Protein backbone atom coordinates (compact mmCIF):
# COMPACT_ATOMS: atom_id res chain seq x y z
CA MET A 1 49.26 -8.36 149.98
CA GLY A 2 50.71 -9.13 146.58
CA ARG A 3 49.83 -7.52 143.30
CA SER A 4 48.73 -9.35 140.18
CA VAL A 5 50.54 -8.99 136.90
CA VAL A 6 47.95 -9.91 134.26
CA ALA A 7 47.94 -9.59 130.45
CA ARG A 8 44.36 -9.07 129.30
CA ARG A 9 45.08 -7.79 125.80
CA CYS A 10 47.84 -6.26 123.70
CA ASP A 11 46.99 -2.58 123.84
CA PRO A 12 49.21 -0.71 121.30
CA LEU A 13 49.33 2.34 123.58
CA LEU A 14 50.80 0.25 126.42
CA ARG A 15 52.87 -2.18 124.40
CA HIS A 16 56.22 -0.74 125.46
CA GLU A 17 55.61 -1.76 129.09
CA ARG A 18 53.21 -4.66 128.48
CA ARG A 19 54.71 -6.49 125.51
CA SER A 20 56.24 -9.09 127.81
CA LEU A 21 52.89 -9.73 129.44
CA CYS A 22 51.00 -10.11 126.17
CA GLY A 23 53.32 -12.83 124.94
CA ARG A 24 53.93 -13.84 121.37
CA ARG A 25 50.74 -15.82 120.88
CA GLY A 26 48.26 -13.82 122.94
CA ARG A 27 49.00 -15.71 126.16
CA GLN A 28 47.60 -14.39 129.45
CA PRO A 29 50.20 -15.16 132.15
CA ARG A 30 49.61 -14.23 135.77
CA ALA A 31 52.12 -13.69 138.58
CA GLU A 32 51.49 -12.46 142.12
CA THR A 33 54.24 -10.01 143.10
CA PRO A 34 55.09 -8.57 146.55
CA GLY A 35 54.94 -5.01 145.28
CA GLY A 36 54.48 -2.84 142.21
CA PRO A 37 56.16 -4.20 139.04
CA PHE A 38 57.51 -1.90 136.33
CA TRP A 39 60.05 -1.99 133.48
CA ILE A 40 58.75 -5.41 132.38
CA ARG A 41 60.83 -7.14 129.70
CA GLU A 42 60.59 -10.50 127.92
CA SER A 43 63.72 -12.52 127.10
CA PRO A 44 64.57 -12.84 123.38
CA ASP A 45 63.68 -16.55 123.45
CA GLY A 46 60.29 -15.80 125.02
CA ARG A 47 60.84 -18.01 128.08
CA LEU A 48 61.34 -15.43 130.84
CA LEU A 49 59.99 -12.17 132.20
CA ARG A 50 62.22 -9.85 134.19
CA PHE A 51 61.00 -6.69 135.84
CA SER A 52 61.77 -4.14 138.53
CA LEU A 53 59.73 -4.15 141.70
CA LEU A 54 58.83 -1.38 144.13
CA GLN A 55 57.86 -3.04 147.39
CA ASN A 56 54.75 -1.77 149.13
CA GLY A 57 55.45 1.23 151.35
CA LYS A 58 59.20 1.20 150.64
CA ASP A 59 61.50 3.36 148.53
CA ALA A 60 63.51 0.42 147.22
CA SER A 61 63.61 -1.41 143.91
CA SER A 62 64.87 -4.87 143.04
CA LEU A 63 65.02 -7.12 139.99
CA TRP A 64 62.69 -10.13 139.76
CA GLU A 65 62.20 -12.98 137.33
CA ALA A 66 59.39 -15.35 136.38
CA ARG A 67 58.56 -17.65 133.52
CA THR A 68 56.21 -16.21 130.93
CA ASP A 69 53.45 -18.49 132.24
CA GLY A 70 53.78 -16.74 135.63
CA SER A 71 55.52 -19.60 137.43
CA SER A 72 58.88 -19.68 139.24
CA LEU A 73 58.69 -16.10 140.54
CA HIS A 74 61.85 -15.13 142.46
CA ARG A 75 64.22 -12.25 143.10
CA LEU A 76 67.02 -12.21 140.55
CA LEU A 77 70.02 -10.98 142.55
CA PRO A 78 69.40 -11.38 146.30
CA GLY A 79 72.22 -9.89 148.35
CA PHE A 80 73.80 -8.07 145.42
CA THR A 81 73.26 -4.72 147.18
CA THR A 82 72.97 -4.10 150.93
CA GLN A 83 69.86 -2.03 150.24
CA PRO A 84 67.67 -2.95 147.24
CA SER A 85 68.50 -0.54 144.44
CA ASP A 86 68.82 -2.61 141.27
CA CYS A 87 66.38 -2.02 138.44
CA CYS A 88 65.66 -1.27 134.82
CA GLY A 89 67.24 -4.22 133.03
CA ASN A 90 67.27 -5.22 129.37
CA TRP A 91 68.66 -8.20 127.47
CA THR A 92 71.08 -7.80 124.59
CA PRO A 93 69.37 -8.85 121.33
CA ASP A 94 71.12 -12.23 121.28
CA GLY A 95 70.00 -12.94 124.87
CA ARG A 96 73.53 -13.68 126.09
CA TYR A 97 73.79 -10.71 128.48
CA TYR A 98 71.43 -8.90 130.80
CA ILE A 99 72.16 -5.18 131.31
CA PHE A 100 70.81 -3.32 134.35
CA GLN A 101 71.48 -0.46 136.78
CA ALA A 102 72.34 -0.83 140.46
CA THR A 103 73.69 1.30 143.30
CA ARG A 104 76.60 -0.05 145.36
CA SER A 105 78.68 1.97 147.83
CA GLY A 106 76.78 5.09 146.82
CA VAL A 107 77.60 4.71 143.10
CA THR A 108 74.81 4.10 140.57
CA ALA A 109 76.29 2.31 137.56
CA ILE A 110 75.40 0.09 134.62
CA TRP A 111 76.14 -3.61 135.13
CA ALA A 112 76.22 -6.61 132.80
CA MET A 113 75.49 -10.21 133.75
CA ARG A 114 76.24 -13.18 131.50
CA ASP A 115 72.93 -14.90 131.03
CA ALA A 116 73.57 -17.69 128.56
CA GLY A 117 76.67 -19.71 127.79
CA ASP A 118 77.88 -22.55 125.63
CA TRP A 119 77.87 -25.97 127.23
CA TRP A 120 81.55 -26.46 126.31
CA HIS A 121 82.67 -23.17 127.91
CA ARG A 122 82.70 -22.40 131.61
CA VAL A 123 81.51 -18.80 132.14
CA SER A 124 80.95 -16.57 135.15
CA HIS A 125 77.47 -15.19 135.75
CA ALA A 126 78.65 -12.61 138.31
CA PRO A 127 77.61 -9.03 137.42
CA VAL A 128 80.38 -6.77 136.08
CA GLN A 129 80.33 -2.95 136.36
CA LEU A 130 80.52 -1.26 132.94
CA THR A 131 80.44 2.47 133.72
CA PRO A 132 82.89 4.51 135.82
CA ASP A 133 82.17 5.86 139.30
CA LEU A 134 82.46 9.47 138.11
CA ILE A 135 78.93 9.63 136.72
CA ARG A 136 75.53 8.32 137.78
CA ALA A 137 74.43 5.89 135.05
CA GLU A 138 70.77 4.87 134.66
CA ARG A 139 68.18 3.28 132.35
CA PRO A 140 70.40 1.22 130.02
CA GLU A 141 69.17 0.25 126.53
CA PRO A 142 71.26 -2.07 124.29
CA SER A 143 71.39 -1.16 120.61
CA ARG A 144 69.71 -3.42 118.05
CA ASP A 145 73.05 -4.86 116.93
CA GLY A 146 74.21 -5.35 120.53
CA ASN A 147 77.43 -3.41 120.01
CA ARG A 148 76.46 -0.37 122.07
CA ILE A 149 74.62 0.40 125.28
CA PHE A 150 72.77 3.69 125.55
CA PHE A 151 72.17 5.12 129.00
CA VAL A 152 71.39 8.35 130.84
CA GLY A 153 74.52 9.65 132.54
CA THR A 154 74.60 12.37 135.16
CA ALA A 155 77.65 14.23 136.41
CA GLN A 156 76.20 14.68 139.88
CA ARG A 157 76.57 17.91 141.78
CA GLY A 158 74.38 19.89 144.12
CA GLU A 159 74.38 23.13 146.07
CA LEU A 160 72.74 23.88 149.38
CA ALA A 161 69.60 26.01 149.42
CA ARG A 162 68.28 27.81 152.52
CA TYR A 163 64.80 29.10 153.26
CA ASP A 164 64.93 32.18 155.48
CA PRO A 165 61.81 32.28 157.70
CA LYS A 166 62.19 36.03 158.28
CA THR A 167 62.37 37.12 154.64
CA LYS A 168 60.45 34.09 153.32
CA THR A 169 62.96 33.64 150.51
CA ILE A 170 65.10 30.74 149.26
CA GLY A 171 68.79 31.46 148.68
CA SER A 172 72.12 29.65 148.55
CA PHE A 173 74.13 28.50 151.58
CA LEU A 174 77.80 27.52 151.89
CA PRO A 175 78.69 28.11 148.21
CA GLY A 176 80.65 25.25 146.72
CA VAL A 177 79.38 22.66 149.21
CA SER A 178 77.43 19.76 147.72
CA GLY A 179 76.06 18.09 150.83
CA ARG A 180 73.06 16.45 152.47
CA PHE A 181 71.91 15.89 156.06
CA LEU A 182 73.27 19.25 157.18
CA THR A 183 73.20 19.56 160.96
CA PHE A 184 74.34 22.26 163.40
CA THR A 185 75.77 22.29 166.89
CA ARG A 186 73.31 23.57 169.50
CA GLY A 187 74.92 26.99 169.51
CA GLY A 188 74.91 27.09 165.69
CA LYS A 189 78.65 27.84 165.44
CA HIS A 190 79.58 24.65 163.61
CA VAL A 191 77.99 22.48 160.97
CA ALA A 192 78.46 18.98 159.56
CA TRP A 193 77.20 17.29 156.40
CA ILE A 194 77.57 14.26 154.12
CA SER A 195 79.08 15.21 150.78
CA TRP A 196 76.96 14.29 147.75
CA PRO A 197 77.49 12.10 145.83
CA GLU A 198 80.88 11.13 147.39
CA GLY A 199 79.38 10.08 150.73
CA LYS A 200 82.04 11.54 153.05
CA LEU A 201 81.55 13.27 156.41
CA TRP A 202 82.63 16.93 156.63
CA TYR A 203 82.80 19.46 159.49
CA ALA A 204 83.21 23.25 159.37
CA ARG A 205 82.34 26.56 160.97
CA SER A 206 78.85 27.69 160.05
CA ASP A 207 80.30 30.34 157.73
CA GLY A 208 81.99 27.56 155.72
CA SER A 209 85.53 28.18 156.97
CA ASP A 210 87.88 25.59 158.47
CA GLN A 211 86.41 22.68 156.53
CA ARG A 212 87.63 19.22 157.57
CA GLN A 213 86.96 15.81 156.07
CA LEU A 214 86.41 13.32 158.91
CA ILE A 215 86.11 9.96 157.10
CA PHE A 216 87.92 8.57 154.07
CA ALA A 217 87.67 5.73 151.55
CA PRO A 218 86.69 2.95 151.59
CA MET A 219 84.17 4.07 154.23
CA ASP A 220 81.00 5.69 152.87
CA ALA A 221 78.50 7.71 154.90
CA ASP A 222 74.78 8.30 154.41
CA PHE A 223 71.60 8.98 156.43
CA PRO A 224 71.04 11.83 158.93
CA LEU A 225 73.79 12.55 161.46
CA SER A 226 73.79 14.21 164.88
CA PHE A 227 76.10 16.35 167.03
CA SER A 228 76.57 15.44 170.67
CA PRO A 229 75.03 18.07 172.99
CA ASP A 230 78.48 19.51 173.79
CA GLY A 231 79.44 19.56 170.09
CA SER A 232 82.56 17.44 170.59
CA GLN A 233 81.44 14.34 168.68
CA ILE A 234 79.33 13.41 165.67
CA ALA A 235 77.18 10.30 165.46
CA PHE A 236 76.83 9.21 161.85
CA VAL A 237 75.99 6.18 159.71
CA ALA A 238 78.55 4.52 157.44
CA HIS A 239 79.70 1.23 156.02
CA ASN A 240 82.55 -0.33 154.13
CA PRO A 241 81.74 -1.93 150.74
CA GLY A 242 79.76 -5.12 151.17
CA SER A 243 78.86 -4.52 154.82
CA TYR A 244 75.73 -3.27 156.59
CA TRP A 245 75.15 0.35 157.57
CA GLN A 246 76.13 0.94 161.21
CA VAL A 247 76.30 3.85 163.66
CA TYR A 248 79.74 5.35 164.38
CA LEU A 249 81.16 8.13 166.55
CA VAL A 250 83.98 10.44 165.51
CA PRO A 251 85.50 13.45 167.36
CA VAL A 252 85.13 16.75 165.51
CA ASP A 253 88.89 17.24 165.89
CA GLY A 254 89.45 14.09 163.84
CA GLY A 255 90.43 10.53 164.61
CA ASP A 256 89.38 6.99 163.82
CA PRO A 257 85.60 6.46 163.76
CA GLN A 258 84.45 4.10 166.51
CA PRO A 259 81.53 1.71 165.89
CA VAL A 260 78.51 1.94 168.16
CA THR A 261 76.43 -0.82 166.55
CA GLN A 262 77.18 -4.03 164.69
CA GLY A 263 75.32 -7.00 163.26
CA ASN A 264 73.60 -8.35 160.16
CA VAL A 265 71.05 -5.57 159.86
CA ASP A 266 71.24 -1.88 158.99
CA SER A 267 71.31 0.49 161.99
CA VAL A 268 70.69 4.12 161.03
CA ASP A 269 69.43 7.56 162.13
CA PRO A 270 71.40 8.11 165.37
CA THR A 271 70.07 10.81 167.69
CA TRP A 272 71.53 12.00 171.03
CA SER A 273 69.93 12.10 174.46
CA LEU A 274 70.04 15.44 176.28
CA PRO A 275 72.81 14.46 178.73
CA GLY A 276 74.85 13.03 175.84
CA ASP A 277 75.26 9.63 177.46
CA ALA A 278 73.00 7.69 175.09
CA LEU A 279 72.03 7.36 171.45
CA ALA A 280 68.75 6.25 169.95
CA TYR A 281 68.82 4.65 166.51
CA GLY A 282 66.58 2.57 164.30
CA PRO A 283 66.32 0.30 161.29
CA SER A 284 66.06 1.42 157.68
CA SER A 285 62.55 1.95 156.33
CA VAL A 286 62.93 -1.31 154.40
CA ASP A 287 63.71 -3.33 157.55
CA ALA A 288 61.06 -1.48 159.54
CA GLY A 289 58.47 -2.57 156.99
CA ASN A 290 59.12 -6.20 157.89
CA GLY A 291 57.76 -5.52 161.38
CA ASN A 292 60.54 -7.47 163.08
CA THR A 293 62.80 -4.54 163.94
CA ALA A 294 62.48 -1.78 166.51
CA LEU A 295 64.06 1.44 167.74
CA HIS A 296 66.87 0.99 170.25
CA ILE A 297 68.77 3.09 172.79
CA VAL A 298 72.42 2.37 173.55
CA ASN A 299 74.03 3.61 176.77
CA LEU A 300 77.43 4.94 175.69
CA ARG A 301 78.94 4.36 179.14
CA THR A 302 77.83 0.76 179.74
CA HIS A 303 77.25 -0.17 176.05
CA GLU A 304 73.94 -1.74 177.11
CA THR A 305 71.27 -1.65 174.41
CA THR A 306 67.52 -1.61 175.12
CA GLU A 307 64.51 -1.70 172.83
CA VAL A 308 62.11 1.25 172.90
CA PRO A 309 58.73 -0.23 173.94
CA GLY A 310 56.11 -0.37 171.21
CA SER A 311 58.51 0.75 168.47
CA ARG A 312 58.43 -2.24 166.13
CA GLY A 313 57.71 -1.16 162.57
CA LEU A 314 58.99 2.40 163.21
CA PHE A 315 62.10 4.16 161.89
CA SER A 316 63.76 7.60 161.69
CA PRO A 317 63.94 8.44 165.43
CA ARG A 318 64.60 12.03 166.60
CA TRP A 319 65.15 12.87 170.29
CA SER A 320 63.57 16.15 171.41
CA PRO A 321 65.93 18.92 172.61
CA ASP A 322 64.59 18.63 176.18
CA GLY A 323 64.98 14.83 176.17
CA ARG A 324 61.31 14.07 176.94
CA TYR A 325 60.11 12.83 173.55
CA LEU A 326 61.23 10.60 170.70
CA LEU A 327 59.84 11.16 167.20
CA ALA A 328 59.55 8.33 164.68
CA LEU A 329 57.88 7.50 161.38
CA THR A 330 55.86 4.43 160.49
CA ALA A 331 57.51 2.23 157.85
CA ASP A 332 55.10 3.43 155.16
CA GLY A 333 55.83 7.08 156.02
CA VAL A 334 52.15 7.82 156.63
CA ASP A 335 52.18 8.51 160.37
CA LEU A 336 54.43 10.64 162.56
CA ARG A 337 54.56 9.09 166.04
CA LEU A 338 55.63 10.59 169.37
CA TYR A 339 56.96 8.60 172.34
CA ASP A 340 56.73 10.21 175.78
CA PHE A 341 59.51 8.94 178.07
CA LYS A 342 57.64 10.31 181.09
CA THR A 343 54.48 8.26 180.47
CA GLY A 344 56.01 5.45 178.41
CA THR A 345 53.33 5.77 175.72
CA TRP A 346 53.14 6.41 171.97
CA GLN A 347 50.71 8.75 170.26
CA THR A 348 50.14 9.78 166.63
CA LEU A 349 51.28 13.35 166.12
CA ALA A 350 50.33 13.68 162.44
CA SER A 351 48.64 11.33 160.00
CA ALA A 352 48.08 11.53 156.26
CA THR A 353 44.52 10.30 156.68
CA GLU A 354 43.66 13.12 159.09
CA SER A 355 45.86 16.10 158.24
CA PRO A 356 45.71 18.46 155.23
CA VAL A 357 48.68 16.70 153.64
CA SER A 358 46.31 13.95 152.47
CA SER A 359 45.20 16.25 149.65
CA TYR A 360 48.68 16.46 148.12
CA GLY A 361 49.51 14.78 144.83
CA ILE A 362 50.75 11.36 143.77
CA ASP A 363 52.54 10.33 146.98
CA ILE A 364 49.87 11.40 149.43
CA GLY A 365 51.05 11.58 153.00
CA LYS A 366 54.58 10.31 152.50
CA PHE A 367 56.37 11.97 155.42
CA GLU A 368 60.14 12.42 155.40
CA SER A 369 62.93 14.21 157.27
CA PRO A 370 61.28 14.89 160.65
CA ASN A 371 63.17 17.53 162.63
CA TRP A 372 62.54 19.36 165.90
CA SER A 373 62.47 23.12 166.02
CA ALA A 374 65.30 24.66 168.03
CA ASP A 375 63.05 25.23 171.06
CA GLY A 376 61.56 21.72 170.89
CA LYS A 377 57.99 23.03 170.73
CA CYS A 378 57.31 22.11 167.09
CA VAL A 379 58.22 19.49 164.51
CA TYR A 380 59.06 20.13 160.86
CA PHE A 381 58.66 17.39 158.26
CA ALA A 382 58.78 17.12 154.48
CA VAL A 383 55.96 15.63 152.43
CA ARG A 384 56.66 13.54 149.33
CA ASP A 385 54.51 15.08 146.62
CA GLY A 386 56.00 14.29 143.23
CA PRO A 387 57.60 17.45 141.80
CA LYS A 388 56.74 19.49 144.91
CA GLU A 389 58.52 19.45 148.26
CA PRO A 390 56.31 21.09 150.87
CA VAL A 391 57.71 21.36 154.39
CA ASP A 392 55.05 21.30 157.09
CA ARG A 393 55.16 22.15 160.77
CA ILE A 394 53.11 20.81 163.65
CA CYS A 395 53.38 22.27 167.15
CA LEU A 396 52.74 20.24 170.28
CA ALA A 397 50.51 22.89 171.79
CA ASP A 398 47.75 22.94 169.15
CA ARG A 399 48.56 19.90 166.92
CA LYS A 400 47.71 21.91 163.77
CA VAL A 401 49.58 21.11 160.52
CA THR A 402 50.80 24.21 158.67
CA THR A 403 52.65 24.28 155.35
CA ILE A 404 55.68 26.55 155.72
CA VAL A 405 57.17 26.52 152.22
CA ASP A 406 57.45 24.46 149.04
CA MET A 407 61.21 23.91 148.98
CA ALA A 408 61.06 22.81 145.34
CA SER A 409 59.99 26.33 144.38
CA GLY A 410 63.10 27.51 142.56
CA ALA A 411 65.24 24.91 144.32
CA ASN A 412 65.19 22.10 141.71
CA LEU A 413 65.62 19.32 144.25
CA VAL A 414 67.79 16.26 143.94
CA TYR A 415 65.24 13.47 143.60
CA SER A 416 65.12 9.79 142.68
CA ILE A 417 62.42 7.14 142.80
CA ILE A 418 64.64 5.04 145.09
CA SER A 419 66.10 7.74 147.35
CA ASN A 420 64.64 10.16 149.85
CA ILE A 421 64.49 13.90 149.51
CA TRP A 422 66.30 15.59 152.38
CA THR A 423 65.33 18.74 154.27
CA GLY A 424 66.92 20.01 157.47
CA VAL A 425 66.33 22.68 160.11
CA GLY A 426 68.85 25.24 161.37
CA PRO A 427 69.24 26.79 164.85
CA ASP A 428 67.01 29.73 163.79
CA ASP A 429 64.43 27.36 162.24
CA SER A 430 65.68 28.13 158.75
CA LEU A 431 65.12 25.21 156.34
CA TYR A 432 67.73 23.55 154.13
CA THR A 433 67.72 21.27 151.13
CA LEU A 434 69.90 20.33 148.16
CA ARG A 435 69.50 21.99 144.78
CA ASP A 436 70.35 19.78 141.81
CA ILE A 437 72.88 21.37 139.45
CA SER A 438 73.88 18.08 137.83
CA ASN A 439 74.56 17.78 134.10
CA GLU A 440 72.48 15.01 132.51
CA GLN A 441 73.21 13.60 129.04
CA ILE A 442 72.59 10.48 126.95
CA TYR A 443 75.73 8.36 126.51
CA ALA A 444 76.65 5.52 124.18
CA LEU A 445 79.00 2.83 125.50
CA ASN A 446 80.77 0.84 122.78
CA MET A 447 80.86 -2.84 123.72
CA LYS A 448 82.65 -5.97 122.60
CA PHE A 449 81.17 -8.80 124.61
CA PRO A 450 83.23 -12.00 125.00
């Protein structure tokens, strides 16, 4: 169901975000949008509105445009990024250029798009990247004279934090490693992760020694990864610039990654069967929200792919250590579902409308990062709760939800409105996350537009 963007009055307290809606002559435009609009801006000539949009139940933003009377609503740059991540645009004062932020190949940068041109000159309207890949650049604001662009720049870096269930304390882990989606072999002797923000797959002993980089540019990796049961291979998700995210396999001893999936849709979250002869995977949360995608299982011997019954609209699969169950989340992150291979049925394991997590703050019931305990008897999951990051546990025996720890307590998590917070579980049921030690500053970019 769409949301209405309506200008009732020009409230001085809200003018910064609502000036475009009020119009120059007290107009009251109306536009139905397929999500929550924010960062609303009016073009200098007063003809257009452009705004960022958070789609319902999805952690993704995109740029949209409409006339100031509410007509001609459409997405501004369809296909510019493989996953919607563009937002927060502003026109230069003369209206010739539109400046915005977008994430491509794991790099969040400031981009400029030529908006207006002279009829006697042929100009390109393709977006051009303005900031280097070395920093994360966000929230651009052109100066009044149009000669500079101010933005928030972050030299991104993180360090792993570990919650010890025995001492109930949070400390550091693998000093010097800035990584997400940490996962261990079943014996706990080796570990793998995706470096942040570089997006490369690494492998090492669990004490941090013998570190090896397993993929290289231009390939970028993201999303949770998974060791094969015998620890000889890693299933991970990667893509080359401009392509969709797909599942790959790579030997821990090194070698060329081999694709498992392909096609014109993102395939993510690989998870191994107990024998190691199959992988389950799913769509991104964005694709799952469309209701036309499902979880799949690929037989690694025959390469035959089958759809998991009743799994449309689900994502983030996790195979249980004993091979009997498959965990998954609903596209809106509100329900944690459990598929029983023995009975061929789904059931709701935890729900925000029924469990204690419904009393948490601004993002009530937003489940993330489901992980099985080492013995397969319980499930850990994070709960999106604004500045907090509680990790809950539910055990199959009693189905009671228990909060284990707030991982944001002293951890200062890496967090963005368009990216998920990650938490992982170790072989001793210790919990892991990424502490943000980035350096954030305001930058000024001197410009001379053609």
